Amino acid sequence: MMFASQSLSQYLFACKVYNSKVLSKVLSTIQLGKRETNCQVIVTDTYIKFVVDLEDKSFQATATLKTDVFQDYHFPSSTIRFAVNLSNLLDCLGLYGVASSVTAVQLHYPGPENTLVVALSEGDKVTECSLKTCRAEDLLDMRFGAYPLSSKVVIRSEVLKEIVSDFDGLTDKVSFVITRHALTWSARGVASECQVSVPSRAEAF
């Protein structure tokens, strides 16, 4: 169902995607830390960006969805920023369960100090969730492009996940070295140490 112009007049922003799993899969990749973690939402005329900063300001995760992902996209004003609890948003998107058929979802945002309305529809079923929003805080400065680039590595995510799991429980700090021949991770615990090296010609890159 397309947006009705009358219903849109009360919102600063509204969008619709015909499959809620598109949103939930993308957002689940940036779910970090505690359930209380807020996700900052940045809305422009070309994309929606979801950003999560860890409490210790050591890590930032970003997911960006371009407007062509959405079947309807209503954005009449300047850039919009607000924050919402990411876990609660994911819970709303998954209300009908993983076994459900295709579930359409609409997001409506009236403006500052208001709730984000998440409307799910599947067949004759329609469910609306209202999520409390708050003012967006300053984000971490992750503009690495502003600094000289000495090394750059692109590695397959499943390989990196396996390597990181090798250090789980050993220590809270891991060092890595990039050379022409290999990418090497190393860590030292109280009673043991671990080192993993991936050759530069490996299929992991």
N, C-alpha and C. Protein backbone atom coordinates (compact mmCIF):
# COMPACT_ATOMS: atom_id res chain seq x y z
N MET A 1 0.84 -1.19 0.00
CA MET A 1 0.00 0.00 0.00
C MET A 1 0.88 1.24 0.00
N MET A 2 0.60 2.16 -0.88
CA MET A 2 1.37 3.40 -0.96
C MET A 2 0.94 4.34 0.16
N PHE A 3 1.82 5.29 0.47
CA PHE A 3 1.51 6.26 1.50
C PHE A 3 0.36 7.16 1.04
N ALA A 4 -0.48 7.51 1.96
CA ALA A 4 -1.52 8.51 1.69
C ALA A 4 -0.97 9.87 2.05
N SER A 5 -1.16 10.86 1.19
CA SER A 5 -0.57 12.18 1.41
C SER A 5 -1.07 12.81 2.70
N GLN A 6 -2.32 12.52 3.07
CA GLN A 6 -2.86 13.09 4.30
C GLN A 6 -2.12 12.57 5.53
N SER A 7 -1.84 11.27 5.53
CA SER A 7 -1.19 10.67 6.70
C SER A 7 0.25 11.12 6.83
N LEU A 8 0.89 11.54 5.75
CA LEU A 8 2.30 11.93 5.78
C LEU A 8 2.51 13.33 6.33
N SER A 9 1.50 14.15 6.34
CA SER A 9 1.66 15.54 6.76
C SER A 9 2.11 15.68 8.21
N GLN A 10 1.85 14.65 9.03
CA GLN A 10 2.21 14.73 10.44
C GLN A 10 3.60 14.18 10.73
N TYR A 11 4.32 13.70 9.70
CA TYR A 11 5.63 13.10 9.90
C TYR A 11 6.73 13.89 9.20
N LEU A 12 7.89 13.98 9.88
CA LEU A 12 9.07 14.53 9.24
C LEU A 12 9.67 13.55 8.25
N PHE A 13 9.48 12.28 8.57
CA PHE A 13 10.09 11.24 7.74
C PHE A 13 9.23 9.98 7.78
N ALA A 14 9.13 9.29 6.65
CA ALA A 14 8.41 8.01 6.59
C ALA A 14 8.99 7.18 5.46
N CYS A 15 9.04 5.87 5.65
CA CYS A 15 9.53 5.00 4.60
C CYS A 15 8.84 3.65 4.70
N LYS A 16 8.90 2.89 3.62
CA LYS A 16 8.29 1.56 3.62
C LYS A 16 9.16 0.60 2.83
N VAL A 17 9.32 -0.62 3.39
CA VAL A 17 10.00 -1.70 2.68
C VAL A 17 9.11 -2.94 2.79
N TYR A 18 9.01 -3.69 1.70
CA TYR A 18 8.05 -4.78 1.64
C TYR A 18 8.49 -6.04 2.41
N ASN A 19 9.73 -6.09 2.83
CA ASN A 19 10.20 -7.24 3.60
C ASN A 19 10.99 -6.75 4.82
N SER A 20 10.43 -6.94 6.00
CA SER A 20 11.08 -6.46 7.23
C SER A 20 12.43 -7.12 7.47
N LYS A 21 12.64 -8.32 6.89
CA LYS A 21 13.91 -9.03 7.10
C LYS A 21 15.08 -8.28 6.46
N VAL A 22 14.80 -7.47 5.46
CA VAL A 22 15.86 -6.65 4.86
C VAL A 22 16.44 -5.72 5.92
N LEU A 23 15.56 -5.07 6.69
CA LEU A 23 16.01 -4.18 7.75
C LEU A 23 16.64 -4.93 8.90
N SER A 24 15.99 -5.99 9.36
CA SER A 24 16.47 -6.71 10.55
C SER A 24 17.83 -7.35 10.31
N LYS A 25 18.06 -7.89 9.12
CA LYS A 25 19.36 -8.52 8.84
C LYS A 25 20.48 -7.49 8.85
N VAL A 26 20.21 -6.33 8.26
CA VAL A 26 21.24 -5.28 8.23
C VAL A 26 21.51 -4.74 9.63
N LEU A 27 20.46 -4.47 10.38
CA LEU A 27 20.62 -3.88 11.71
C LEU A 27 21.25 -4.86 12.71
N SER A 28 21.00 -6.15 12.53
CA SER A 28 21.58 -7.14 13.45
C SER A 28 23.10 -7.18 13.36
N THR A 29 23.66 -6.74 12.24
CA THR A 29 25.12 -6.75 12.09
C THR A 29 25.81 -5.68 12.93
N ILE A 30 25.06 -4.67 13.37
CA ILE A 30 25.68 -3.61 14.17
C ILE A 30 25.21 -3.64 15.62
N GLN A 31 24.56 -4.73 16.03
CA GLN A 31 24.09 -4.86 17.40
C GLN A 31 25.27 -5.23 18.29
N LEU A 32 25.74 -4.27 19.05
CA LEU A 32 26.94 -4.44 19.88
C LEU A 32 26.62 -4.14 21.34
N GLY A 33 27.36 -4.78 22.24
CA GLY A 33 27.26 -4.43 23.65
C GLY A 33 25.93 -4.77 24.28
N LYS A 34 25.49 -3.92 25.21
CA LYS A 34 24.31 -4.18 26.02
C LYS A 34 23.02 -3.87 25.27
N ARG A 35 21.91 -4.40 25.81
CA ARG A 35 20.60 -4.13 25.22
C ARG A 35 20.24 -2.66 25.31
N GLU A 36 20.84 -1.95 26.29
CA GLU A 36 20.52 -0.55 26.47
C GLU A 36 21.18 0.35 25.43
N THR A 37 21.98 -0.23 24.55
CA THR A 37 22.72 0.56 23.58
C THR A 37 21.79 1.25 22.60
N ASN A 38 21.98 2.54 22.45
CA ASN A 38 21.18 3.31 21.49
C ASN A 38 21.84 3.31 20.12
N CYS A 39 21.02 3.39 19.13
CA CYS A 39 21.48 3.48 17.74
C CYS A 39 21.10 4.85 17.21
N GLN A 40 22.05 5.56 16.68
CA GLN A 40 21.75 6.86 16.09
C GLN A 40 21.29 6.68 14.66
N VAL A 41 20.24 7.38 14.31
CA VAL A 41 19.65 7.28 12.97
C VAL A 41 19.83 8.62 12.26
N ILE A 42 20.44 8.56 11.11
CA ILE A 42 20.67 9.76 10.30
C ILE A 42 19.93 9.59 8.98
N VAL A 43 18.97 10.47 8.72
CA VAL A 43 18.13 10.36 7.53
C VAL A 43 18.42 11.52 6.58
N THR A 44 18.70 11.20 5.34
CA THR A 44 18.91 12.22 4.31
C THR A 44 18.02 11.89 3.11
N ASP A 45 18.14 12.66 2.06
CA ASP A 45 17.32 12.40 0.87
C ASP A 45 17.86 11.25 0.03
N THR A 46 19.04 10.72 0.37
CA THR A 46 19.62 9.62 -0.43
C THR A 46 19.87 8.34 0.36
N TYR A 47 19.83 8.41 1.69
CA TYR A 47 20.09 7.20 2.48
C TYR A 47 19.61 7.36 3.92
N ILE A 48 19.51 6.21 4.60
CA ILE A 48 19.33 6.17 6.05
C ILE A 48 20.56 5.47 6.63
N LYS A 49 21.17 6.10 7.60
CA LYS A 49 22.36 5.54 8.22
C LYS A 49 22.08 5.24 9.69
N PHE A 50 22.46 4.03 10.13
CA PHE A 50 22.33 3.61 11.51
C PHE A 50 23.73 3.46 12.09
N VAL A 51 24.01 4.13 13.22
CA VAL A 51 25.35 4.14 13.79
C VAL A 51 25.31 3.77 15.26
N VAL A 52 26.21 2.86 15.67
CA VAL A 52 26.32 2.45 17.06
C VAL A 52 27.75 2.68 17.54
N ASP A 53 27.91 3.41 18.64
CA ASP A 53 29.20 3.60 19.31
C ASP A 53 29.19 2.81 20.61
N LEU A 54 30.28 2.07 20.89
CA LEU A 54 30.37 1.40 22.18
C LEU A 54 30.58 2.43 23.28
N GLU A 55 30.23 2.04 24.52
CA GLU A 55 30.31 2.99 25.64
C GLU A 55 31.72 3.51 25.86
N ASP A 56 32.73 2.66 25.63
CA ASP A 56 34.10 3.09 25.88
C ASP A 56 34.69 3.87 24.70
N LYS A 57 33.85 4.13 23.68
CA LYS A 57 34.26 4.93 22.52
C LYS A 57 35.42 4.30 21.75
N SER A 58 35.52 2.96 21.78
CA SER A 58 36.61 2.29 21.10
C SER A 58 36.19 1.66 19.79
N PHE A 59 34.89 1.67 19.51
CA PHE A 59 34.41 0.94 18.33
C PHE A 59 33.14 1.62 17.81
N GLN A 60 33.03 1.65 16.50
CA GLN A 60 31.84 2.22 15.87
C GLN A 60 31.39 1.31 14.73
N ALA A 61 30.12 1.02 14.69
CA ALA A 61 29.55 0.19 13.62
C ALA A 61 28.50 1.01 12.87
N THR A 62 28.52 0.92 11.56
CA THR A 62 27.62 1.71 10.72
C THR A 62 26.96 0.84 9.67
N ALA A 63 25.66 1.03 9.49
CA ALA A 63 24.92 0.36 8.42
C ALA A 63 24.17 1.42 7.64
N THR A 64 24.32 1.40 6.33
CA THR A 64 23.70 2.41 5.48
C THR A 64 22.78 1.76 4.46
N LEU A 65 21.56 2.25 4.36
CA LEU A 65 20.59 1.77 3.39
C LEU A 65 20.23 2.91 2.44
N LYS A 66 20.48 2.72 1.17
CA LYS A 66 20.15 3.75 0.18
C LYS A 66 18.65 3.74 -0.09
N THR A 67 18.15 4.84 -0.59
CA THR A 67 16.71 4.98 -0.76
C THR A 67 16.11 3.98 -1.75
N ASP A 68 16.91 3.45 -2.66
CA ASP A 68 16.35 2.49 -3.63
C ASP A 68 16.01 1.15 -2.99
N VAL A 69 16.41 0.94 -1.72
CA VAL A 69 16.02 -0.26 -1.00
C VAL A 69 14.54 -0.20 -0.63
N PHE A 70 14.02 1.02 -0.47
CA PHE A 70 12.65 1.23 0.00
C PHE A 70 11.69 1.40 -1.16
N GLN A 71 10.48 0.90 -0.97
CA GLN A 71 9.45 1.05 -1.99
C GLN A 71 8.79 2.44 -1.92
N ASP A 72 8.77 3.02 -0.73
CA ASP A 72 8.28 4.38 -0.54
C ASP A 72 9.24 5.10 0.39
N TYR A 73 9.48 6.37 0.09
CA TYR A 73 10.44 7.14 0.89
C TYR A 73 9.99 8.60 0.89
N HIS A 74 9.57 9.07 2.07
CA HIS A 74 9.06 10.43 2.21
C HIS A 74 10.04 11.23 3.06
N PHE A 75 10.68 12.22 2.43
CA PHE A 75 11.69 13.03 3.12
C PHE A 75 11.60 14.47 2.61
N PRO A 76 10.79 15.30 3.26
CA PRO A 76 10.56 16.66 2.75
C PRO A 76 11.45 17.73 3.35
N SER A 77 12.29 17.39 4.31
CA SER A 77 13.04 18.43 5.02
C SER A 77 14.54 18.16 4.97
N SER A 78 15.29 18.89 5.82
CA SER A 78 16.74 18.72 5.87
C SER A 78 17.10 17.46 6.67
N THR A 79 18.39 17.20 6.78
CA THR A 79 18.86 15.99 7.45
C THR A 79 18.26 15.84 8.85
N ILE A 80 17.79 14.64 9.15
CA ILE A 80 17.17 14.33 10.44
C ILE A 80 18.08 13.41 11.23
N ARG A 81 18.23 13.70 12.52
CA ARG A 81 19.04 12.85 13.39
C ARG A 81 18.29 12.60 14.69
N PHE A 82 18.26 11.34 15.10
CA PHE A 82 17.69 10.98 16.40
C PHE A 82 18.28 9.64 16.82
N ALA A 83 18.02 9.24 18.04
CA ALA A 83 18.54 7.97 18.56
C ALA A 83 17.39 7.12 19.07
N VAL A 84 17.54 5.80 18.92
CA VAL A 84 16.53 4.86 19.37
C VAL A 84 17.24 3.59 19.85
N ASN A 85 16.63 2.87 20.79
CA ASN A 85 17.22 1.64 21.27
C ASN A 85 17.22 0.59 20.17
N LEU A 86 18.41 0.09 19.80
CA LEU A 86 18.53 -0.83 18.68
C LEU A 86 17.88 -2.17 18.96
N SER A 87 18.06 -2.70 20.17
CA SER A 87 17.48 -4.00 20.51
C SER A 87 15.96 -3.95 20.44
N ASN A 88 15.36 -2.87 20.92
CA ASN A 88 13.91 -2.73 20.86
C ASN A 88 13.41 -2.64 19.43
N LEU A 89 14.18 -1.95 18.59
CA LEU A 89 13.81 -1.84 17.18
C LEU A 89 13.84 -3.21 16.51
N LEU A 90 14.89 -3.99 16.79
CA LEU A 90 15.00 -5.34 16.22
C LEU A 90 13.88 -6.25 16.73
N ASP A 91 13.53 -6.10 18.00
CA ASP A 91 12.42 -6.89 18.56
C ASP A 91 11.12 -6.60 17.82
N CYS A 92 10.88 -5.33 17.51
CA CYS A 92 9.67 -4.95 16.78
C CYS A 92 9.66 -5.56 15.38
N LEU A 93 10.80 -5.49 14.69
CA LEU A 93 10.87 -6.01 13.33
C LEU A 93 10.67 -7.52 13.28
N GLY A 94 10.97 -8.20 14.38
CA GLY A 94 10.84 -9.66 14.41
C GLY A 94 9.61 -10.16 15.14
N LEU A 95 8.63 -9.32 15.34
CA LEU A 95 7.43 -9.71 16.11
C LEU A 95 6.70 -10.91 15.52
N TYR A 96 6.67 -11.03 14.19
CA TYR A 96 5.92 -12.12 13.56
C TYR A 96 6.74 -13.40 13.45
N GLY A 97 8.00 -13.37 13.91
CA GLY A 97 8.82 -14.57 13.93
C GLY A 97 9.51 -14.86 12.61
N VAL A 98 10.54 -15.72 12.68
CA VAL A 98 11.34 -16.03 11.50
C VAL A 98 10.58 -16.90 10.51
N ALA A 99 9.57 -17.62 10.99
CA ALA A 99 8.83 -18.53 10.11
C ALA A 99 7.71 -17.83 9.35
N SER A 100 7.52 -16.55 9.61
CA SER A 100 6.42 -15.83 8.96
C SER A 100 6.73 -15.60 7.49
N SER A 101 5.69 -15.31 6.72
CA SER A 101 5.89 -14.98 5.31
C SER A 101 6.39 -13.54 5.22
N VAL A 102 6.39 -12.99 4.04
CA VAL A 102 6.93 -11.64 3.85
C VAL A 102 6.11 -10.61 4.64
N THR A 103 6.81 -9.87 5.49
CA THR A 103 6.18 -8.86 6.34
C THR A 103 6.63 -7.47 5.90
N ALA A 104 5.69 -6.64 5.52
CA ALA A 104 6.01 -5.26 5.14
C ALA A 104 6.16 -4.41 6.40
N VAL A 105 7.02 -3.41 6.34
CA VAL A 105 7.22 -2.54 7.50
C VAL A 105 7.29 -1.09 7.06
N GLN A 106 6.65 -0.24 7.84
CA GLN A 106 6.72 1.21 7.63
C GLN A 106 7.32 1.85 8.87
N LEU A 107 8.19 2.83 8.66
CA LEU A 107 8.76 3.62 9.74
C LEU A 107 8.24 5.05 9.62
N HIS A 108 7.70 5.58 10.71
CA HIS A 108 7.18 6.94 10.73
C HIS A 108 7.85 7.70 11.87
N TYR A 109 8.38 8.88 11.57
CA TYR A 109 9.01 9.71 12.60
C TYR A 109 8.41 11.11 12.58
N PRO A 110 7.64 11.46 13.62
CA PRO A 110 6.97 12.77 13.66
C PRO A 110 7.92 13.94 13.87
N GLY A 111 9.04 13.71 14.58
CA GLY A 111 9.96 14.80 14.86
C GLY A 111 10.57 14.67 16.24
N PRO A 112 11.42 15.63 16.65
CA PRO A 112 12.11 15.58 17.93
C PRO A 112 11.16 15.38 19.11
N GLU A 113 11.64 14.64 20.11
CA GLU A 113 10.89 14.36 21.34
C GLU A 113 9.63 13.54 21.08
N ASN A 114 9.55 12.85 19.93
CA ASN A 114 8.41 12.00 19.62
C ASN A 114 8.85 10.55 19.47
N THR A 115 7.90 9.67 19.33
CA THR A 115 8.22 8.25 19.18
C THR A 115 8.41 7.88 17.72
N LEU A 116 9.21 6.85 17.49
CA LEU A 116 9.35 6.26 16.16
C LEU A 116 8.29 5.17 16.04
N VAL A 117 7.43 5.29 15.06
CA VAL A 117 6.35 4.32 14.87
C VAL A 117 6.81 3.27 13.86
N VAL A 118 6.76 2.01 14.28
CA VAL A 118 7.11 0.88 13.42
C VAL A 118 5.82 0.10 13.15
N ALA A 119 5.34 0.12 11.91
CA ALA A 119 4.08 -0.55 11.55
C ALA A 119 4.37 -1.77 10.70
N LEU A 120 3.97 -2.94 11.20
CA LEU A 120 4.17 -4.20 10.48
C LEU A 120 2.84 -4.66 9.90
N SER A 121 2.88 -5.20 8.68
CA SER A 121 1.65 -5.72 8.07
C SER A 121 1.98 -7.01 7.32
N GLU A 122 1.13 -8.00 7.57
CA GLU A 122 1.28 -9.31 6.91
C GLU A 122 -0.12 -9.88 6.69
N GLY A 123 -0.56 -9.91 5.45
CA GLY A 123 -1.91 -10.35 5.18
C GLY A 123 -2.93 -9.41 5.82
N ASP A 124 -3.80 -9.97 6.66
CA ASP A 124 -4.81 -9.16 7.35
C ASP A 124 -4.31 -8.62 8.69
N LYS A 125 -3.09 -8.99 9.08
CA LYS A 125 -2.55 -8.58 10.37
C LYS A 125 -1.80 -7.25 10.25
N VAL A 126 -2.07 -6.34 11.17
CA VAL A 126 -1.36 -5.06 11.24
C VAL A 126 -0.98 -4.79 12.69
N THR A 127 0.29 -4.52 12.93
CA THR A 127 0.78 -4.25 14.29
C THR A 127 1.60 -2.98 14.29
N GLU A 128 1.36 -2.12 15.26
CA GLU A 128 2.13 -0.89 15.39
C GLU A 128 2.89 -0.87 16.71
N CYS A 129 4.16 -0.52 16.63
CA CYS A 129 4.99 -0.36 17.83
C CYS A 129 5.47 1.09 17.88
N SER A 130 5.47 1.66 19.06
CA SER A 130 5.97 3.02 19.26
C SER A 130 7.21 2.97 20.13
N LEU A 131 8.32 3.42 19.59
CA LEU A 131 9.59 3.38 20.29
C LEU A 131 10.02 4.78 20.71
N LYS A 132 10.42 4.91 21.95
CA LYS A 132 10.88 6.20 22.45
C LYS A 132 12.18 6.60 21.76
N THR A 133 12.26 7.83 21.34
CA THR A 133 13.49 8.35 20.74
C THR A 133 14.10 9.40 21.65
N CYS A 134 15.36 9.69 21.41
CA CYS A 134 16.04 10.74 22.18
C CYS A 134 16.97 11.51 21.25
N ARG A 135 17.53 12.54 21.79
CA ARG A 135 18.40 13.40 21.00
C ARG A 135 19.70 12.68 20.64
N ALA A 136 20.13 12.81 19.41
CA ALA A 136 21.36 12.16 18.96
C ALA A 136 22.57 12.87 19.55
N GLU A 137 23.54 12.09 20.03
CA GLU A 137 24.77 12.64 20.58
C GLU A 137 25.83 12.75 19.50
N ASP A 138 26.93 13.40 19.84
CA ASP A 138 28.04 13.53 18.89
C ASP A 138 28.65 12.15 18.63
N LEU A 139 28.93 11.86 17.38
CA LEU A 139 29.51 10.57 17.01
C LEU A 139 31.03 10.61 17.12
N LEU A 140 31.62 9.42 17.22
CA LEU A 140 33.07 9.33 17.20
C LEU A 140 33.60 9.82 15.85
N ASP A 141 34.76 10.44 15.87
CA ASP A 141 35.38 10.92 14.64
C ASP A 141 36.16 9.76 14.02
N MET A 142 35.55 9.11 13.03
CA MET A 142 36.18 7.97 12.37
C MET A 142 36.61 8.31 10.93
N ARG A 143 36.96 9.55 10.71
CA ARG A 143 37.35 9.98 9.37
C ARG A 143 38.81 9.64 9.12
N PHE A 144 39.08 8.35 8.90
CA PHE A 144 40.45 7.91 8.69
C PHE A 144 41.03 8.45 7.38
N GLY A 145 40.15 8.82 6.47
CA GLY A 145 40.64 9.34 5.20
C GLY A 145 41.36 10.67 5.34
N ALA A 146 41.21 11.32 6.50
CA ALA A 146 41.87 12.60 6.72
C ALA A 146 43.34 12.42 7.10
N TYR A 147 43.75 11.17 7.32
CA TYR A 147 45.13 10.89 7.74
C TYR A 147 45.83 10.06 6.67
N PRO A 148 47.17 10.13 6.60
CA PRO A 148 47.92 9.35 5.61
C PRO A 148 47.65 7.85 5.78
N LEU A 149 47.42 7.14 4.69
CA LEU A 149 47.13 5.71 4.72
C LEU A 149 48.41 4.94 4.45
N SER A 150 48.89 4.19 5.46
CA SER A 150 50.13 3.43 5.31
C SER A 150 49.87 2.02 4.82
N SER A 151 48.75 1.41 5.24
CA SER A 151 48.43 0.05 4.84
C SER A 151 46.91 -0.11 4.77
N LYS A 152 46.46 -1.01 3.91
CA LYS A 152 45.04 -1.28 3.78
C LYS A 152 44.83 -2.76 3.47
N VAL A 153 43.91 -3.38 4.21
CA VAL A 153 43.64 -4.81 4.03
C VAL A 153 42.14 -5.02 3.97
N VAL A 154 41.67 -5.79 3.00
CA VAL A 154 40.28 -6.21 2.92
C VAL A 154 40.25 -7.72 3.09
N ILE A 155 39.59 -8.19 4.15
CA ILE A 155 39.59 -9.61 4.47
C ILE A 155 38.16 -10.11 4.60
N ARG A 156 37.93 -11.36 4.24
CA ARG A 156 36.59 -11.95 4.32
C ARG A 156 36.14 -12.01 5.77
N SER A 157 34.88 -11.62 6.02
CA SER A 157 34.38 -11.50 7.38
C SER A 157 34.40 -12.82 8.14
N GLU A 158 34.09 -13.94 7.47
CA GLU A 158 34.07 -15.22 8.18
C GLU A 158 35.47 -15.66 8.63
N VAL A 159 36.48 -15.26 7.84
CA VAL A 159 37.87 -15.57 8.23
C VAL A 159 38.28 -14.74 9.44
N LEU A 160 37.94 -13.46 9.41
CA LEU A 160 38.27 -12.59 10.53
C LEU A 160 37.56 -13.05 11.80
N LYS A 161 36.31 -13.47 11.69
CA LYS A 161 35.57 -13.95 12.85
C LYS A 161 36.24 -15.17 13.47
N GLU A 162 36.72 -16.08 12.63
CA GLU A 162 37.39 -17.29 13.12
C GLU A 162 38.70 -16.94 13.82
N ILE A 163 39.43 -15.98 13.27
CA ILE A 163 40.70 -15.58 13.88
C ILE A 163 40.46 -14.93 15.25
N VAL A 164 39.49 -14.04 15.31
CA VAL A 164 39.19 -13.36 16.58
C VAL A 164 38.76 -14.35 17.65
N SER A 165 38.01 -15.39 17.25
CA SER A 165 37.56 -16.39 18.22
C SER A 165 38.73 -17.14 18.85
N ASP A 166 39.86 -17.23 18.14
CA ASP A 166 41.04 -17.90 18.69
C ASP A 166 41.61 -17.16 19.90
N PHE A 167 41.35 -15.85 19.95
CA PHE A 167 41.88 -15.04 21.05
C PHE A 167 40.86 -14.83 22.17
N ASP A 168 39.65 -15.31 21.96
CA ASP A 168 38.59 -15.09 22.94
C ASP A 168 38.94 -15.72 24.28
N GLY A 169 38.91 -14.92 25.34
CA GLY A 169 39.22 -15.40 26.68
C GLY A 169 40.69 -15.38 27.03
N LEU A 170 41.56 -15.13 26.05
CA LEU A 170 43.00 -15.11 26.32
C LEU A 170 43.44 -13.76 26.87
N THR A 171 42.97 -12.70 26.25
CA THR A 171 43.35 -11.35 26.66
C THR A 171 42.33 -10.36 26.11
N ASP A 172 42.36 -9.15 26.62
CA ASP A 172 41.43 -8.13 26.12
C ASP A 172 42.09 -7.23 25.09
N LYS A 173 43.35 -7.51 24.74
CA LYS A 173 44.04 -6.72 23.73
C LYS A 173 44.75 -7.63 22.74
N VAL A 174 44.64 -7.29 21.47
CA VAL A 174 45.27 -8.05 20.39
C VAL A 174 46.03 -7.08 19.50
N SER A 175 47.26 -7.41 19.15
CA SER A 175 48.04 -6.58 18.25
C SER A 175 48.14 -7.26 16.89
N PHE A 176 48.29 -6.46 15.85
CA PHE A 176 48.45 -7.05 14.52
C PHE A 176 49.47 -6.27 13.72
N VAL A 177 50.13 -6.98 12.82
CA VAL A 177 51.19 -6.40 11.99
C VAL A 177 50.89 -6.71 10.52
N ILE A 178 50.95 -5.70 9.69
CA ILE A 178 50.74 -5.87 8.25
C ILE A 178 52.07 -5.74 7.52
N THR A 179 52.43 -6.76 6.76
CA THR A 179 53.62 -6.73 5.93
C THR A 179 53.25 -7.10 4.50
N ARG A 180 54.21 -7.09 3.61
CA ARG A 180 53.94 -7.46 2.22
C ARG A 180 53.60 -8.94 2.10
N HIS A 181 54.03 -9.72 3.08
CA HIS A 181 53.90 -11.17 2.97
C HIS A 181 52.77 -11.76 3.80
N ALA A 182 52.34 -11.06 4.85
CA ALA A 182 51.32 -11.66 5.72
C ALA A 182 50.68 -10.61 6.62
N LEU A 183 49.53 -11.01 7.14
CA LEU A 183 48.84 -10.24 8.17
C LEU A 183 48.87 -11.10 9.43
N THR A 184 49.47 -10.58 10.50
CA THR A 184 49.71 -11.39 11.69
C THR A 184 49.08 -10.77 12.93
N TRP A 185 48.31 -11.58 13.65
CA TRP A 185 47.72 -11.20 14.93
C TRP A 185 48.48 -11.92 16.04
N SER A 186 48.65 -11.25 17.18
CA SER A 186 49.30 -11.89 18.32
C SER A 186 48.74 -11.32 19.62
N ALA A 187 48.74 -12.16 20.64
CA ALA A 187 48.25 -11.75 21.96
C ALA A 187 48.93 -12.61 23.01
N ARG A 188 49.07 -12.06 24.20
CA ARG A 188 49.69 -12.78 25.30
C ARG A 188 48.82 -12.68 26.53
N GLY A 189 48.51 -13.84 27.10
CA GLY A 189 47.73 -13.91 28.31
C GLY A 189 48.60 -14.14 29.52
N VAL A 190 47.99 -14.47 30.65
CA VAL A 190 48.74 -14.71 31.89
C VAL A 190 49.61 -15.95 31.77
N ALA A 191 49.07 -17.01 31.18
CA ALA A 191 49.80 -18.27 31.13
C ALA A 191 50.06 -18.77 29.72
N SER A 192 49.64 -18.03 28.71
CA SER A 192 49.82 -18.51 27.34
C SER A 192 49.85 -17.35 26.37
N GLU A 193 50.25 -17.65 25.15
CA GLU A 193 50.24 -16.66 24.10
C GLU A 193 49.79 -17.30 22.80
N CYS A 194 49.29 -16.48 21.88
CA CYS A 194 48.73 -16.99 20.64
C CYS A 194 49.13 -16.08 19.50
N GLN A 195 49.43 -16.70 18.35
CA GLN A 195 49.77 -15.92 17.16
C GLN A 195 49.15 -16.58 15.93
N VAL A 196 48.50 -15.77 15.11
CA VAL A 196 47.88 -16.25 13.89
C VAL A 196 48.38 -15.41 12.73
N SER A 197 48.86 -16.08 11.69
CA SER A 197 49.40 -15.38 10.54
C SER A 197 48.70 -15.87 9.27
N VAL A 198 48.23 -14.93 8.46
CA VAL A 198 47.57 -15.26 7.20
C VAL A 198 48.42 -14.73 6.05
N PRO A 199 48.93 -15.61 5.19
CA PRO A 199 49.76 -15.17 4.06
C PRO A 199 49.01 -14.23 3.13
N SER A 200 49.70 -13.30 2.54
CA SER A 200 49.07 -12.28 1.70
C SER A 200 48.42 -12.88 0.44
N ARG A 201 48.85 -14.08 0.05
CA ARG A 201 48.28 -14.73 -1.13
C ARG A 201 47.12 -15.65 -0.80
N ALA A 202 46.73 -15.69 0.44
CA ALA A 202 45.63 -16.57 0.86
C ALA A 202 44.31 -16.09 0.28
N GLU A 203 43.33 -17.02 0.15
CA GLU A 203 42.02 -16.68 -0.38
C GLU A 203 41.20 -15.82 0.58
N ALA A 204 41.72 -15.64 1.80
CA ALA A 204 41.01 -14.83 2.79
C ALA A 204 40.93 -13.38 2.37
N PHE A 205 41.84 -12.94 1.50
CA PHE A 205 41.87 -11.53 1.08
C PHE A 205 41.18 -11.35 -0.27
